Amino acid sequence: MKTIFLYLYVGLTFLSVAQNKPFPYFVPTEKDVINTDFVYVLENEENQLKILRLNPENNYELIAYYSEGPILVDYYRGKFLDYDRFRILENFDKNYQIIRYDSLIFAFDKGSLTKYRYDNSEFDFDLSSFNDLIFKNGNFYANKFNAFFERKQVITPTHDSKYQHNWFVSVQTGKPIIKGKCSEADDLDCLCAALTHNTSNQREKSDEIAKFIIDRLNYNRGDTAQTNVKGLVFGKEKEAVCEGYSRVYLDLMTRAEVPVKYASGAVRTDVYDIFYSGHSHAWNEVVLDGKPYVLDVTWSDNIYSEWYLKSPKEMFVSHFNDEKKDSSWAIQHTKTMYDFMNQPLILDINKGGIDQLIHIDKSDPVQFAKDKFILKFNKPMKVNSVNRLGLSFPFVRFQGEANEISSKPLAKEGKIVQSIKTTSLEVQLPEQFNNLSVDIEGIGTIKYIVYNGTEQEFYQFFVDNMDLNSAYSVGMAFLSCAKLKDEAVFKKLKPYIANQKLTFKEFMKQAKEHNITDFKYAVYSACRHMGSFDGYSFQFSKNGEKDRIFLKVDDVTKKYSFSKFDQDTWSFDFNF
């Protein structure tokens, strides 16, 4: 029997959008060279050489060569007014460096600067001093009188050809300064070095790598394999989905020698995820300067995003890691998928928001009330807004069956509360199902499905509204039947049982043996089975794979029926 883990067809909308930023590491070519009219040696000492070059297109090049330290070359290109009215303009067009980092030597693009003087220890020559001089025939003079008579030059050009080399070529040897692997334009070690060489701790390394990924990639599944990190980073497509984003972060952080893990599993981003989450997603876990974090670089617009570097406790609200557990890893996952699905659903969770839930008397996502829902706080809390949103049933639709399932509207939209500070919140319940979003300062937006009635009536709803075209709907109907423990309900559903010999007593025995008491409102980890058994199964209890409900699909009608409660195994016989 073939088993396929099933995920929802609903797309996730938290997408990173690439920005048109300069690539930090590159290989200089002849395209980076300009013709030169005049060359001036500004400083020539044992460990450093600084030259200024001017060309006919009113470009200047300011180049510093160093024999010691991490910076081997500091290169600036900018504009000046014409020779008759010589004046250095303030903005640099280009700012490159050649860096020595460990055993690597690479060219680094620092981007466009807004000041005419790069005021730090890397380059400390003030070009504004040229603007106080008079330029004539390649020479600089202190005043117009000296310039007129062409005497007492302050700065004169040099005609030594060694100063005419490309900026990335050694003045002494005439050979390219960049050697080894960074002379190739697609080396990941050189990219990592370019991103992290100027950082002082692991957090800064993460920031630079994450910013690069966010700026570089667009969210889309292109033709490049998501495991091909070099192709994703250096390819022309510049596209990836969550797996690609996370694997690029994993690769570069590993090269930066920072403890990091690839994580994948289920996420909850929407009210329907209260009832089932099958979104397949990927993200990362990392330890920065001794502190564990979880981050979703795919959903991060920048490094200030709510999805960047959250605590494991806060990220668990929306992300469940089902990767193989590692006892040596700093982040230990002790909670299960059942715990994940049966916890509060908080969107846009604030930092420390989980700890603030102790001040609220109701945080479970499914609530039962009659005509009005009352939320109490043990201290005054600011409620920014309360919104009633739309809702339709079935709550879950799988790809391939969605077009066959009719949608039943359950709730309408409407704004209830704008902003109040209170110790009690009362919301009227006009619908049978009420989809409420309560935005509380210091916590985030808590999602509630408030059923206007009792828990028994809630389960009865799933029985009365069963859709045979939906595996989820049929599963919920029979799980609800087991929760109600009502033989009359069982008889109502009896025509939709694959084994017509199954009695109510046997049905309840199966349900009890497979921990039906654990089931509240959520199912998870759906599987599509093909072979000796054709259909779907869902987990619903704390025991995970040991407790599943199986739904058989008819080969002809494509409608579903209850098969049995059982564990996920290859050995059982479904030939009824």
Protein backbone atom coordinates (compact mmCIF):
# COMPACT_ATOMS: atom_id res chain seq x y z
CA MET A 1 0.00 0.00 0.00
CA LYS A 2 1.35 3.41 -0.98
CA THR A 3 0.96 6.23 1.51
CA ILE A 4 1.26 9.91 0.65
CA PHE A 5 1.33 12.56 3.36
CA LEU A 6 -1.29 15.08 2.35
CA TYR A 7 -1.09 18.83 2.55
CA LEU A 8 -3.62 21.55 1.91
CA TYR A 9 -3.78 23.21 -1.47
CA VAL A 10 -4.23 26.63 0.10
CA GLY A 11 -1.13 28.74 -0.65
CA LEU A 12 0.82 30.61 2.04
CA THR A 13 0.97 34.35 1.48
CA PHE A 14 3.85 35.55 3.67
CA LEU A 15 6.36 35.97 0.88
CA SER A 16 9.77 37.61 0.69
CA VAL A 17 10.22 39.88 -2.31
CA ALA A 18 13.70 40.35 -3.73
CA GLN A 19 15.17 43.83 -3.89
CA ASN A 20 17.55 45.10 -6.56
CA LYS A 21 20.63 45.32 -4.34
CA PRO A 22 24.26 45.00 -5.48
CA PHE A 23 25.75 41.55 -5.16
CA PRO A 24 28.29 41.77 -2.31
CA TYR A 25 31.00 39.59 -3.86
CA PHE A 26 32.09 39.82 -7.48
CA VAL A 27 35.02 39.33 -9.83
CA PRO A 28 36.25 42.64 -11.32
CA THR A 29 36.55 42.77 -15.10
CA GLU A 30 37.56 45.24 -17.76
CA LYS A 31 34.03 46.66 -17.55
CA ASP A 32 35.02 48.10 -14.17
CA VAL A 33 37.88 50.11 -15.73
CA ILE A 34 37.81 53.71 -17.01
CA ASN A 35 40.28 55.52 -19.26
CA THR A 36 42.58 57.95 -17.49
CA ASP A 37 43.82 61.47 -18.34
CA PHE A 38 45.74 62.29 -15.17
CA VAL A 39 47.09 60.27 -12.25
CA TYR A 40 48.16 61.79 -8.92
CA VAL A 41 50.05 60.06 -6.12
CA LEU A 42 48.49 61.44 -2.97
CA GLU A 43 50.38 59.32 -0.48
CA ASN A 44 53.15 56.77 -0.90
CA GLU A 45 54.32 55.17 2.31
CA GLU A 46 55.72 51.77 3.23
CA ASN A 47 52.34 50.15 3.99
CA GLN A 48 49.97 52.19 1.86
CA LEU A 49 49.64 53.94 -1.46
CA LYS A 50 46.84 56.39 -2.38
CA ILE A 51 46.25 57.67 -5.89
CA LEU A 52 43.66 59.85 -7.66
CA ARG A 53 42.85 59.36 -11.34
CA LEU A 54 40.79 61.66 -13.61
CA ASN A 55 39.28 60.83 -17.01
CA PRO A 56 37.66 62.76 -19.90
CA GLU A 57 34.10 61.71 -18.92
CA ASN A 58 34.46 63.66 -15.66
CA ASN A 59 34.95 60.52 -13.60
CA TYR A 60 37.50 60.23 -10.84
CA GLU A 61 38.94 57.14 -9.20
CA LEU A 62 40.29 57.27 -5.68
CA ILE A 63 42.31 54.14 -4.87
CA ALA A 64 44.14 53.11 -1.72
CA TYR A 65 46.43 50.06 -1.68
CA TYR A 66 47.41 48.52 1.66
CA SER A 67 50.03 45.88 2.39
CA GLU A 68 48.78 45.11 5.90
CA GLY A 69 45.38 44.48 7.44
CA PRO A 70 42.19 42.94 6.03
CA ILE A 71 41.62 45.65 3.38
CA LEU A 72 44.01 45.32 0.45
CA VAL A 73 42.31 47.83 -1.85
CA ASP A 74 39.78 50.59 -1.20
CA TYR A 75 38.29 51.91 -4.45
CA TYR A 76 35.93 54.83 -5.02
CA ARG A 77 34.54 56.17 -8.26
CA GLY A 78 32.64 59.43 -8.53
CA LYS A 79 32.03 62.54 -10.63
CA PHE A 80 33.65 65.95 -10.81
CA LEU A 81 32.65 69.10 -12.65
CA ASP A 82 34.55 69.74 -15.88
CA TYR A 83 38.21 70.69 -15.86
CA ASP A 84 37.45 74.40 -16.28
CA ARG A 85 35.37 74.43 -13.08
CA PHE A 86 36.96 71.55 -11.25
CA ARG A 87 35.00 70.44 -8.20
CA ILE A 88 34.65 67.01 -6.63
CA LEU A 89 30.99 66.05 -6.31
CA GLU A 90 29.80 64.53 -3.06
CA ASN A 91 28.31 61.20 -4.11
CA PHE A 92 30.31 58.09 -4.94
CA ASP A 93 29.00 56.05 -7.87
CA LYS A 94 31.01 52.98 -6.92
CA ASN A 95 32.68 51.80 -3.75
CA TYR A 96 34.57 48.52 -3.94
CA GLN A 97 37.06 46.86 -1.66
CA ILE A 98 39.38 43.91 -2.02
CA ILE A 99 39.33 42.06 1.28
CA ARG A 100 41.63 39.48 2.78
CA TYR A 101 39.59 37.26 5.12
CA ASP A 102 41.23 34.14 6.49
CA SER A 103 42.67 32.43 3.40
CA LEU A 104 40.34 34.19 0.94
CA ILE A 105 40.88 37.34 -1.12
CA PHE A 106 37.75 38.72 -2.76
CA ALA A 107 36.19 41.88 -4.19
CA PHE A 108 33.38 43.38 -2.15
CA ASP A 109 30.73 45.89 -3.32
CA LYS A 110 29.90 48.34 -0.54
CA GLY A 111 27.25 50.04 -2.65
CA SER A 112 26.63 53.73 -3.21
CA LEU A 113 27.55 56.09 -0.37
CA THR A 114 25.89 59.43 0.37
CA LYS A 115 28.98 61.31 1.61
CA TYR A 116 31.95 62.47 -0.41
CA ARG A 117 34.31 61.41 2.35
CA TYR A 118 34.31 57.91 3.79
CA ASP A 119 35.17 58.96 7.29
CA ASN A 120 36.72 55.98 9.03
CA SER A 121 40.06 54.23 9.40
CA GLU A 122 39.69 52.38 6.11
CA PHE A 123 40.12 55.56 4.07
CA ASP A 124 40.85 58.94 5.61
CA PHE A 125 41.78 61.22 2.70
CA ASP A 126 39.43 64.21 2.50
CA LEU A 127 38.65 64.92 -1.16
CA SER A 128 37.01 68.22 -0.28
CA SER A 129 40.51 69.73 -0.02
CA PHE A 130 40.71 69.56 -3.82
CA ASN A 131 37.78 71.94 -4.08
CA ASP A 132 39.90 74.73 -2.55
CA LEU A 133 42.50 74.35 -5.31
CA ILE A 134 42.67 75.66 -8.87
CA PHE A 135 43.04 73.13 -11.70
CA LYS A 136 44.91 73.93 -14.92
CA ASN A 137 46.47 71.60 -17.51
CA GLY A 138 46.58 68.69 -15.13
CA ASN A 139 48.16 70.60 -12.24
CA PHE A 140 46.59 71.91 -9.03
CA TYR A 141 47.47 75.37 -7.70
CA ALA A 142 46.77 77.13 -4.41
CA ASN A 143 45.28 80.23 -6.10
CA LYS A 144 44.35 81.75 -9.47
CA PHE A 145 47.53 83.87 -9.62
CA ASN A 146 49.79 80.83 -9.46
CA ALA A 147 47.55 78.98 -11.89
CA PHE A 148 47.70 81.85 -14.40
CA PHE A 149 51.50 81.88 -14.36
CA GLU A 150 51.62 78.07 -13.90
CA ARG A 151 54.02 78.20 -10.98
CA LYS A 152 54.20 76.68 -7.52
CA GLN A 153 52.08 73.63 -8.31
CA VAL A 154 50.57 71.99 -5.19
CA ILE A 155 49.85 68.64 -6.86
CA THR A 156 51.23 67.45 -10.15
CA PRO A 157 50.39 64.33 -12.18
CA THR A 158 52.67 61.35 -12.48
CA HIS A 159 53.46 59.71 -15.80
CA ASP A 160 54.69 56.41 -14.34
CA SER A 161 52.78 53.65 -16.21
CA LYS A 162 52.55 51.40 -13.15
CA TYR A 163 49.86 53.72 -11.76
CA GLN A 164 47.76 53.17 -14.88
CA HIS A 165 46.92 49.54 -13.98
CA ASN A 166 43.36 48.45 -13.34
CA TRP A 167 42.39 49.16 -9.75
CA PHE A 168 42.30 45.42 -8.96
CA VAL A 169 45.87 44.90 -10.23
CA SER A 170 48.92 45.22 -8.00
CA VAL A 171 50.97 48.39 -8.62
CA GLN A 172 54.15 46.53 -7.66
CA THR A 173 53.69 43.28 -9.63
CA GLY A 174 51.22 44.21 -12.36
CA LYS A 175 49.26 41.01 -11.56
CA PRO A 176 45.66 40.63 -10.32
CA ILE A 177 45.37 40.91 -6.54
CA ILE A 178 42.45 38.49 -6.36
CA LYS A 179 43.67 34.90 -6.54
CA GLY A 180 42.33 31.43 -5.86
CA LYS A 181 38.70 30.45 -5.58
CA CYS A 182 37.39 34.03 -5.34
CA SER A 183 38.57 34.67 -8.88
CA GLU A 184 35.45 32.69 -9.82
CA ALA A 185 32.10 34.50 -9.59
CA ASP A 186 30.07 31.66 -8.07
CA ASP A 187 31.89 30.48 -4.96
CA LEU A 188 29.76 30.14 -1.82
CA ASP A 189 32.72 30.41 0.56
CA CYS A 190 33.64 33.77 -0.97
CA LEU A 191 30.03 34.95 -0.79
CA CYS A 192 29.82 33.98 2.88
CA ALA A 193 33.09 35.78 3.57
CA ALA A 194 31.86 38.90 1.79
CA LEU A 195 28.69 38.90 3.88
CA THR A 196 30.29 38.25 7.25
CA HIS A 197 33.85 39.64 7.16
CA ASN A 198 32.83 42.92 8.81
CA THR A 199 30.69 41.36 11.59
CA SER A 200 31.70 41.10 15.23
CA ASN A 201 29.34 38.37 16.51
CA GLN A 202 27.04 35.57 15.40
CA ARG A 203 23.91 37.73 15.50
CA GLU A 204 25.46 40.14 13.01
CA LYS A 205 26.42 37.23 10.77
CA SER A 206 22.84 36.02 10.79
CA ASP A 207 21.56 39.53 10.05
CA GLU A 208 23.83 39.97 7.03
CA ILE A 209 23.07 36.51 5.60
CA ALA A 210 19.31 36.87 6.14
CA LYS A 211 19.29 40.35 4.55
CA PHE A 212 21.13 38.99 1.55
CA ILE A 213 18.65 36.11 1.08
CA ILE A 214 15.63 38.39 1.45
CA ASP A 215 17.06 40.88 -1.04
CA ARG A 216 18.28 38.25 -3.48
CA LEU A 217 15.36 35.84 -3.84
CA ASN A 218 11.78 36.08 -5.08
CA TYR A 219 9.24 33.58 -3.82
CA ASN A 220 8.47 31.29 -6.75
CA ARG A 221 9.27 27.73 -7.73
CA GLY A 222 11.56 28.13 -10.73
CA ASP A 223 13.46 25.44 -12.60
CA THR A 224 16.35 25.32 -10.09
CA ALA A 225 16.26 22.44 -7.58
CA GLN A 226 15.62 23.70 -4.04
CA THR A 227 18.64 21.74 -2.80
CA ASN A 228 20.94 23.40 -5.36
CA VAL A 229 22.13 26.27 -3.17
CA LYS A 230 24.70 27.53 -5.69
CA GLY A 231 22.07 27.57 -8.44
CA LEU A 232 19.56 29.42 -6.27
CA VAL A 233 22.10 32.04 -5.19
CA PHE A 234 24.05 32.64 -8.41
CA GLY A 235 21.48 31.62 -11.04
CA LYS A 236 19.59 34.05 -13.23
CA GLU A 237 16.15 33.07 -11.90
CA LYS A 238 16.73 34.27 -8.33
CA GLU A 239 13.64 32.31 -7.29
CA ALA A 240 12.98 29.85 -4.47
CA VAL A 241 10.25 28.52 -2.21
CA CYS A 242 10.54 27.97 1.52
CA GLU A 243 12.85 24.97 1.20
CA GLY A 244 15.26 26.94 -0.97
CA TYR A 245 15.26 29.97 1.34
CA SER A 246 15.94 27.76 4.35
CA ARG A 247 18.65 25.70 2.66
CA VAL A 248 20.51 28.83 1.50
CA TYR A 249 20.43 30.17 5.08
CA LEU A 250 21.58 26.77 6.38
CA ASP A 251 24.45 26.62 3.90
CA LEU A 252 25.78 30.13 4.45
CA MET A 253 25.44 30.03 8.24
CA THR A 254 27.23 26.68 8.30
CA ARG A 255 30.06 28.19 6.27
CA ALA A 256 30.12 31.04 8.79
CA GLU A 257 30.58 28.40 11.52
CA VAL A 258 27.33 29.25 13.32
CA PRO A 259 25.24 26.37 14.82
CA VAL A 260 22.18 26.07 12.58
CA LYS A 261 19.52 23.51 11.61
CA TYR A 262 17.05 23.07 8.76
CA ALA A 263 13.50 22.60 10.04
CA SER A 264 10.31 21.55 8.28
CA GLY A 265 6.79 20.61 9.27
CA ALA A 266 3.36 22.14 9.70
CA VAL A 267 2.39 25.77 10.16
CA ARG A 268 -0.74 27.60 11.30
CA THR A 269 -1.46 30.95 9.68
CA ASP A 270 -5.24 31.07 9.33
CA VAL A 271 -8.41 30.42 11.32
CA TYR A 272 -9.06 27.21 9.35
CA ASP A 273 -5.76 25.87 10.70
CA ILE A 274 -7.52 25.51 14.06
CA PHE A 275 -9.20 22.43 12.63
CA TYR A 276 -6.43 21.06 10.41
CA SER A 277 -2.92 22.12 9.43
CA GLY A 278 -1.26 20.41 6.54
CA HIS A 279 0.78 23.28 5.15
CA SER A 280 4.19 21.87 4.29
CA HIS A 281 6.76 24.51 5.17
CA ALA A 282 10.47 24.94 5.93
CA TRP A 283 12.40 27.31 8.19
CA ASN A 284 15.53 27.33 10.40
CA GLU A 285 16.70 27.01 13.97
CA VAL A 286 19.92 28.71 15.03
CA VAL A 287 22.03 29.39 18.13
CA LEU A 288 23.46 32.91 18.16
CA ASP A 289 26.03 33.82 20.78
CA GLY A 290 24.73 31.00 22.99
CA LYS A 291 21.01 31.83 22.66
CA PRO A 292 18.58 29.64 20.64
CA TYR A 293 16.25 31.19 18.06
CA VAL A 294 13.84 30.09 15.37
CA LEU A 295 13.46 32.09 12.16
CA ASP A 296 11.40 31.94 9.00
CA VAL A 297 13.42 33.86 6.42
CA THR A 298 10.81 33.07 3.73
CA TRP A 299 8.14 35.07 5.55
CA SER A 300 10.51 37.86 6.64
CA ASP A 301 10.39 41.14 4.71
CA ASN A 302 13.48 42.29 6.57
CA ILE A 303 15.44 41.47 9.73
CA TYR A 304 12.95 43.45 11.81
CA SER A 305 10.13 41.12 10.82
CA GLU A 306 8.12 39.29 13.45
CA TRP A 307 9.26 36.04 11.79
CA TYR A 308 12.97 36.71 12.23
CA LEU A 309 14.69 35.28 15.33
CA LYS A 310 11.81 34.40 17.62
CA SER A 311 12.09 32.31 20.75
CA PRO A 312 11.32 28.59 20.23
CA LYS A 313 8.37 28.97 22.60
CA GLU A 314 6.79 31.77 20.57
CA MET A 315 7.48 30.18 17.19
CA PHE A 316 5.78 26.95 18.32
CA VAL A 317 2.47 28.82 18.16
CA SER A 318 2.74 28.86 14.37
CA HIS A 319 5.49 26.35 13.41
CA PHE A 320 5.76 22.65 14.30
CA ASN A 321 9.09 20.98 13.54
CA ASP A 322 8.67 17.32 12.61
CA GLU A 323 12.30 16.82 11.54
CA LYS A 324 14.20 13.94 13.17
CA LYS A 325 15.04 14.84 16.75
CA ASP A 326 18.67 15.51 17.68
CA SER A 327 19.57 15.09 21.36
CA SER A 328 22.76 17.12 20.87
CA TRP A 329 20.93 20.15 19.47
CA ALA A 330 20.28 23.21 21.65
CA ILE A 331 16.54 23.30 20.89
CA GLN A 332 14.78 20.19 22.17
CA HIS A 333 11.25 19.52 20.91
CA THR A 334 9.24 17.83 23.64
CA LYS A 335 5.79 18.80 22.38
CA THR A 336 3.83 16.87 19.79
CA MET A 337 1.70 17.68 16.78
CA TYR A 338 -1.31 17.14 19.03
CA ASP A 339 -0.02 19.85 21.38
CA PHE A 340 0.58 22.10 18.39
CA MET A 341 -2.96 21.72 17.09
CA ASN A 342 -4.64 22.06 20.48
CA GLN A 343 -3.14 25.37 21.59
CA PRO A 344 -4.12 29.04 21.17
CA LEU A 345 -3.88 30.44 17.66
CA ILE A 346 -2.23 33.87 17.81
CA LEU A 347 -1.47 35.84 14.67
CA ASP A 348 1.18 38.57 14.69
CA ILE A 349 2.24 37.44 18.15
CA ASN A 350 4.08 40.11 20.15
CA LYS A 351 7.40 39.40 21.79
CA GLY A 352 6.58 37.84 25.15
CA GLY A 353 2.95 37.44 24.09
CA ILE A 354 2.73 33.79 25.14
CA ASP A 355 3.58 34.69 28.72
CA GLN A 356 0.76 37.27 28.79
CA LEU A 357 -1.93 34.62 28.19
CA ILE A 358 -2.07 34.00 31.95
CA HIS A 359 -4.03 37.23 32.22
CA ILE A 360 -6.89 35.89 30.03
CA ASP A 361 -9.47 33.42 31.23
CA LYS A 362 -10.05 31.89 27.75
CA SER A 363 -7.34 31.17 25.21
CA ASP A 364 -8.38 27.86 23.59
CA PRO A 365 -9.29 28.53 19.96
CA VAL A 366 -12.70 26.80 20.11
CA GLN A 367 -15.13 28.14 22.70
CA PHE A 368 -18.75 27.45 23.58
CA ALA A 369 -21.18 30.13 24.73
CA LYS A 370 -24.85 31.09 24.53
CA ASP A 371 -25.76 34.33 22.74
CA LYS A 372 -22.73 36.20 24.04
CA PHE A 373 -19.02 35.51 24.53
CA ILE A 374 -17.38 37.00 27.63
CA LEU A 375 -13.60 37.31 27.86
CA LYS A 376 -12.20 38.29 31.26
CA PHE A 377 -8.76 39.67 32.17
CA ASN A 378 -7.18 39.60 35.62
CA LYS A 379 -5.75 43.06 34.99
CA PRO A 380 -6.70 45.98 32.70
CA MET A 381 -5.60 45.20 29.15
CA LYS A 382 -5.81 47.27 26.00
CA VAL A 383 -7.96 45.66 23.33
CA ASN A 384 -6.98 47.29 20.04
CA SER A 385 -9.84 45.79 18.04
CA VAL A 386 -12.36 42.98 17.86
CA ASN A 387 -13.44 41.79 14.41
CA ARG A 388 -16.00 39.25 13.29
CA LEU A 389 -14.77 37.51 10.12
CA GLY A 390 -16.26 35.22 7.53
CA LEU A 391 -16.23 31.41 7.82
CA SER A 392 -17.40 28.57 5.60
CA PHE A 393 -17.68 24.79 5.91
CA PRO A 394 -16.04 22.32 5.31
CA PHE A 395 -13.09 23.87 7.09
CA VAL A 396 -10.62 21.74 5.09
CA ARG A 397 -10.41 21.00 1.38
CA PHE A 398 -7.75 18.88 -0.23
CA GLN A 399 -6.35 19.35 -3.71
CA GLY A 400 -8.23 17.17 -6.17
CA GLU A 401 -11.51 17.12 -4.26
CA ALA A 402 -12.06 20.86 -3.75
CA ASN A 403 -14.19 21.32 -6.87
CA GLU A 404 -16.59 18.59 -5.77
CA ILE A 405 -17.30 20.09 -2.37
CA SER A 406 -19.98 22.73 -1.89
CA SER A 407 -19.14 25.61 0.46
CA LYS A 408 -21.55 26.48 3.23
CA PRO A 409 -21.24 30.03 4.66
CA LEU A 410 -21.32 30.02 8.46
CA ALA A 411 -20.32 33.53 9.53
CA LYS A 412 -20.22 37.09 8.20
CA GLU A 413 -17.71 39.90 8.59
CA GLY A 414 -18.02 42.97 10.79
CA LYS A 415 -16.06 45.23 13.15
CA ILE A 416 -17.19 45.11 16.78
CA VAL A 417 -14.67 46.97 18.93
CA GLN A 418 -12.05 49.52 17.92
CA SER A 419 -9.94 50.30 20.98
CA ILE A 420 -10.67 49.99 24.70
CA LYS A 421 -8.83 49.28 27.92
CA THR A 422 -10.81 46.90 30.05
CA THR A 423 -10.91 43.90 32.39
CA SER A 424 -13.88 42.29 30.61
CA LEU A 425 -14.93 42.01 26.98
CA GLU A 426 -18.45 41.01 25.93
CA VAL A 427 -19.26 40.07 22.32
CA GLN A 428 -22.73 39.22 21.02
CA LEU A 429 -23.01 36.01 18.99
CA PRO A 430 -25.36 36.48 16.02
CA GLU A 431 -24.25 33.30 14.21
CA GLN A 432 -24.10 29.61 15.04
CA PHE A 433 -20.33 29.78 14.34
CA ASN A 434 -18.62 33.08 15.15
CA ASN A 435 -15.13 33.73 13.82
CA LEU A 436 -13.63 36.35 16.15
CA SER A 437 -10.25 38.11 16.00
CA VAL A 438 -9.32 39.83 19.27
CA ASP A 439 -6.23 42.05 19.01
CA ILE A 440 -4.76 42.58 22.49
CA GLU A 441 -1.77 44.83 23.07
CA GLY A 442 1.20 42.84 24.34
CA ILE A 443 -0.16 39.54 22.99
CA GLY A 444 -1.24 39.81 19.36
CA THR A 445 -4.37 38.77 17.50
CA ILE A 446 -6.03 35.81 19.22
CA LYS A 447 -8.33 33.76 17.01
CA TYR A 448 -11.51 32.27 18.42
CA ILE A 449 -14.18 30.09 16.87
CA VAL A 450 -17.08 30.60 19.27
CA TYR A 451 -19.93 28.15 18.84
CA ASN A 452 -23.26 29.56 19.91
CA GLY A 453 -24.44 26.49 21.78
CA THR A 454 -23.16 23.48 23.71
CA GLU A 455 -20.25 21.17 22.98
CA GLN A 456 -22.74 18.38 22.17
CA GLU A 457 -24.49 20.65 19.64
CA PHE A 458 -21.10 21.51 18.16
CA TYR A 459 -20.39 17.83 17.46
CA GLN A 460 -23.93 17.30 16.19
CA PHE A 461 -23.29 20.01 13.58
CA PHE A 462 -20.57 17.88 11.94
CA VAL A 463 -22.92 14.90 11.81
CA ASP A 464 -25.79 16.91 10.31
CA ASN A 465 -23.59 18.66 7.74
CA MET A 466 -21.50 15.73 6.53
CA ASP A 467 -20.40 16.05 2.89
CA LEU A 468 -19.63 12.67 1.33
CA ASN A 469 -17.34 14.33 -1.22
CA SER A 470 -15.02 15.50 1.57
CA ALA A 471 -12.75 13.09 3.42
CA TYR A 472 -12.35 15.69 6.16
CA SER A 473 -16.12 16.17 6.57
CA VAL A 474 -16.81 12.44 6.77
CA GLY A 475 -13.97 11.98 9.25
CA MET A 476 -15.26 14.80 11.47
CA ALA A 477 -18.77 13.36 11.37
CA PHE A 478 -17.65 9.94 12.65
CA LEU A 479 -15.25 11.42 15.23
CA SER A 480 -18.16 13.55 16.47
CA CYS A 481 -20.40 10.49 16.55
CA ALA A 482 -17.89 8.76 18.81
CA LYS A 483 -17.70 11.84 21.06
CA LEU A 484 -21.50 11.98 21.37
CA LYS A 485 -21.75 8.26 22.28
CA ASP A 486 -25.29 8.23 20.91
CA GLU A 487 -26.53 5.09 19.14
CA ALA A 488 -29.21 7.10 17.33
CA VAL A 489 -26.50 9.22 15.73
CA PHE A 490 -24.60 6.06 14.80
CA LYS A 491 -27.69 4.64 13.09
CA LYS A 492 -28.05 7.89 11.13
CA LEU A 493 -24.51 7.46 9.83
CA LYS A 494 -24.73 3.67 9.36
CA PRO A 495 -25.33 3.86 5.55
CA TYR A 496 -21.93 5.55 5.24
CA ILE A 497 -19.93 2.80 6.94
CA ALA A 498 -17.83 0.58 4.66
CA ASN A 499 -18.42 -2.48 6.88
CA GLN A 500 -22.20 -2.67 7.28
CA LYS A 501 -21.78 -5.41 9.89
CA LEU A 502 -20.09 -2.97 12.28
CA THR A 503 -22.23 -2.48 15.40
CA PHE A 504 -22.46 0.60 17.61
CA LYS A 505 -20.79 -1.34 20.43
CA GLU A 506 -17.88 -2.37 18.22
CA PHE A 507 -17.61 1.17 16.82
CA MET A 508 -17.35 2.67 20.31
CA LYS A 509 -14.86 -0.01 21.37
CA GLN A 510 -12.59 0.92 18.47
CA ALA A 511 -12.95 4.61 19.29
CA LYS A 512 -12.15 4.06 22.96
CA GLU A 513 -9.13 1.86 22.20
CA HIS A 514 -7.81 4.64 20.00
CA ASN A 515 -8.30 7.38 22.58
CA ILE A 516 -11.33 9.23 21.24
CA THR A 517 -11.39 11.20 24.49
CA ASP A 518 -8.29 13.09 23.26
CA PHE A 519 -10.17 14.46 20.26
CA LYS A 520 -11.47 18.00 20.65
CA TYR A 521 -11.84 19.73 17.28
CA ALA A 522 -8.58 19.22 15.35
CA VAL A 523 -7.30 16.48 13.07
CA TYR A 524 -3.84 16.46 11.55
CA SER A 525 -1.27 14.58 9.46
CA ALA A 526 -3.67 13.44 6.76
CA CYS A 527 -2.48 10.61 4.51
CA ARG A 528 -3.70 9.55 1.10
CA HIS A 529 -3.55 5.75 0.89
CA MET A 530 -3.48 3.89 -2.42
CA GLY A 531 -3.33 0.15 -2.99
CA SER A 532 -5.14 -2.51 -0.96
CA PHE A 533 -6.81 0.38 0.82
CA ASP A 534 -7.84 3.43 -1.18
CA GLY A 535 -8.74 6.45 0.90
CA TYR A 536 -7.59 8.87 3.57
CA SER A 537 -6.65 8.77 7.22
CA PHE A 538 -6.21 11.40 9.94
CA GLN A 539 -4.53 11.54 13.30
CA PHE A 540 -6.53 13.02 16.17
CA SER A 541 -5.08 11.89 19.52
CA LYS A 542 -1.99 12.36 21.66
CA ASN A 543 -0.63 9.01 20.42
CA GLY A 544 -0.14 10.23 16.86
CA GLU A 545 0.32 7.37 14.39
CA LYS A 546 -1.16 4.84 16.81
CA ASP A 547 -4.58 6.45 16.55
CA ARG A 548 -6.06 7.17 13.13
CA ILE A 549 -9.49 7.33 11.57
CA PHE A 550 -9.63 5.79 8.09
CA LEU A 551 -12.03 6.89 5.35
CA LYS A 552 -12.50 4.73 2.27
CA VAL A 553 -13.15 6.28 -1.15
CA ASP A 554 -15.46 4.57 -3.65
CA ASP A 555 -13.75 3.85 -6.97
CA VAL A 556 -16.80 4.90 -8.98
CA THR A 557 -18.67 7.60 -7.03
CA LYS A 558 -15.54 9.03 -5.37
CA LYS A 559 -17.54 9.43 -2.18
CA TYR A 560 -16.18 8.57 1.25
CA SER A 561 -17.28 6.18 3.95
CA PHE A 562 -16.01 5.33 7.42
CA SER A 563 -13.68 2.33 7.43
CA LYS A 564 -12.38 1.98 10.99
CA PHE A 565 -10.25 3.38 13.82
CA ASP A 566 -6.81 1.81 13.66
CA GLN A 567 -3.10 2.53 13.75
CA ASP A 568 -1.01 3.40 10.71
CA THR A 569 0.31 -0.01 9.70
CA TRP A 570 0.90 -2.04 6.58
CA SER A 571 -0.64 -5.21 7.99
CA PHE A 572 -4.34 -4.53 8.49
CA ASP A 573 -6.96 -5.80 6.02
CA PHE A 574 -9.51 -3.36 4.60
CA ASN A 575 -11.23 -5.73 2.18
CA PHE A 576 -14.82 -5.39 3.38
